[in-house]
C-alpha atoms as a PDB file:
ATOM      1  CA  MET A   1     129.152 127.165  58.657  1.00  0.00           C
ATOM      2  CA  GLU A   2     131.527 125.288  61.234  1.00  0.00           C
ATOM      3  CA  THR A   3     128.486 124.513  63.128  1.00  0.00           C
ATOM      4  CA  ILE A   4     127.319 121.943  60.601  1.00  0.00           C
ATOM      5  CA  PHE A   5     130.746 120.324  60.664  1.00  0.00           C
ATOM      6  CA  VAL A   6     130.140 119.280  64.112  1.00  0.00           C
ATOM      7  CA  LEU A   7     126.114 118.697  64.403  1.00  0.00           C
ATOM      8  CA  LEU A   8     126.130 116.600  61.124  1.00  0.00           C
ATOM      9  CA  PRO A   9     128.488 113.852  62.137  1.00  0.00           C
ATOM     10  CA  LEU A  10     127.188 114.326  65.914  1.00  0.00           C
ATOM     11  CA  ALA A  11     123.356 113.758  64.370  1.00  0.00           C
ATOM     12  CA  LEU A  12     124.448 110.736  62.306  1.00  0.00           C
ATOM     13  CA  LEU A  13     126.266 109.166  65.333  1.00  0.00           C
ATOM     14  CA  ILE A  14     123.215 109.643  66.969  1.00  0.00           C
ATOM     15  CA  ALA A  15     121.187 107.905  64.539  1.00  0.00           C
ATOM     16  CA  ALA A  16     123.362 105.386  64.056  1.00  0.00           C
ATOM     17  CA  ILE A  17     123.746 104.464  67.547  1.00  0.00           C
ATOM     18  CA  ALA A  18     119.495 104.225  67.721  1.00  0.00           C
ATOM     19  CA  LEU A  19     119.587 102.025  64.749  1.00  0.00           C
ATOM     20  CA  GLY A  20     121.976  99.787  66.578  1.00  0.00           C
ATOM     21  CA  PHE A  21     119.799  99.681  69.685  1.00  0.00           C
ATOM     22  CA  PHE A  22     116.493  98.896  67.575  1.00  0.00           C
ATOM     23  CA  ILE A  23     118.571  96.206  65.555  1.00  0.00           C
ATOM     24  CA  TRP A  24     119.521  94.664  68.947  1.00  0.00           C
ATOM     25  CA  ALA A  25     116.091  95.285  70.160  1.00  0.00           C
ATOM     26  CA  ALA A  26     114.572  93.250  67.310  1.00  0.00           C
ATOM     27  CA  ARG A  27     117.166  90.291  67.308  1.00  0.00           C
ATOM     28  CA  SER A  28     116.657  89.731  71.147  1.00  0.00           C
ATOM     29  CA  GLY A  29     112.802  89.345  70.838  1.00  0.00           C
ATOM     30  CA  GLN A  30     111.544  92.630  72.405  1.00  0.00           C
ATOM     31  CA  PHE A  31     109.450  92.889  69.739  1.00  0.00           C
ATOM     32  CA  ASP A  32     107.525  89.634  69.387  1.00  0.00           C
ATOM     33  CA  ASP A  33     104.693  89.610  71.491  1.00  0.00           C
ATOM     34  CA  LEU A  34     102.902  93.127  71.586  1.00  0.00           C
ATOM     35  CA  GLU A  35      99.664  92.310  72.798  1.00  0.00           C
ATOM     36  CA  THR A  36     100.190  90.281  75.735  1.00  0.00           C
ATOM     37  CA  PRO A  37     101.912  92.838  78.065  1.00  0.00           C
ATOM     38  CA  ALA A  38      98.724  95.224  77.283  1.00  0.00           C
ATOM     39  CA  VAL A  39      95.949  92.786  78.265  1.00  0.00           C
ATOM     40  CA  ARG A  40      98.145  91.116  81.263  1.00  0.00           C
ATOM     41  CA  ILE A  41      96.681  93.713  83.728  1.00  0.00           C
ATOM     42  CA  LEU A  42      92.980  92.081  83.018  1.00  0.00           C
ATOM     43  CA  PHE A  43      93.993  88.717  84.103  1.00  0.00           C
ATOM     44  CA  ASP A  44      94.287  87.279  87.877  1.00  0.00           C
ATOM     45  CA  ASP A  45      97.416  86.176  88.993  1.00  0.00           C
ATOM     46  CA  GLU A  46      96.724  85.368  92.314  1.00  0.00           C
ATOM     47  CA  GLU A  47      96.664  81.748  93.545  1.00  0.00           C
ATOM     48  CA  PRO A  48      93.677  80.348  94.699  1.00  0.00           C
ATOM     49  CA  ARG A  49      93.349  79.837  98.702  1.00  0.00           C
ATOM     50  CA  PRO A  50      93.231  76.115 100.163  1.00  0.00           C
ATOM     51  CA  ALA A  51      89.516  75.550 101.391  1.00  0.00           C
ATOM     52  CA  GLY A  52      89.453  76.076 105.004  1.00  0.00           C
ATOM     53  CA  SER A  53      92.309  79.258 105.215  1.00  0.00           C
ATOM     54  CA  LYS A  54      91.670  82.084 107.194  1.00  0.00           C
ATOM     55  CA  VAL A  55      91.815  85.359 105.964  1.00  0.00           C
ATOM     56  CA  LEU A  56      93.858  87.504 108.117  1.00  0.00           C
ATOM     57  CA  SER A  57      92.294  90.518 108.788  1.00  0.00           C
ATOM     58  CA  PRO A  58      92.722  93.476 111.419  1.00  0.00           C
ATOM     59  CA  LYS A  59      91.310  92.654 114.906  1.00  0.00           C
ATOM     60  CA  PRO A  60      88.489  95.364 115.655  1.00  0.00           C
ATOM     61  CA  PRO A  61      88.881  97.133 119.121  1.00  0.00           C
ATOM     62  CA  GLU A  62      87.590  95.639 122.018  1.00  0.00           C
ATOM     63  CA  THR A  63      86.784  98.938 124.335  1.00  0.00           C
ATOM     64  CA  ALA A  64      86.545 102.615 123.240  1.00  0.00           C
ATOM     65  CA  GLU A  65      89.841 103.178 124.741  1.00  0.00           C
ATOM     66  CA  ASP A  66      91.458 100.935 121.680  1.00  0.00           C
ATOM     67  CA  ALA A  67      89.350 102.690 118.940  1.00  0.00           C
ATOM     68  CA  PRO A  68      91.175 105.225 116.884  1.00  0.00           C
ATOM     69  CA  THR A  69      90.147 109.021 118.095  1.00  0.00           C
ATOM     70  CA  ARG A  70      89.222 111.403 115.336  1.00  0.00           C
ATOM     71  CA  ARG A  71      89.770 115.255 116.135  1.00  0.00           C
ATOM     72  CA  ASP A  72      87.594 117.684 114.660  1.00  0.00           C
ATOM     73  CA  PRO A  73      89.054 120.787 113.307  1.00  0.00           C
ATOM     74  CA  LYS A  74      88.242 123.919 115.203  1.00  0.00           C
END
């Protein structure tokens, strides 16, 4: 019985803190736009490259000695 005297106020305190965080989030605009973040991944964020700019890519090895070797497991 003594346990309920500890747990009940503790549960009410945790619920009040959670309610306070919810009210703070609602007032600060956290729930204003729920759809845009879900579809933001579908849009390109990259800026278009100006015409004539080069794409940097790794240079291929010029000789067989420069090429990476692949070891076959034995």
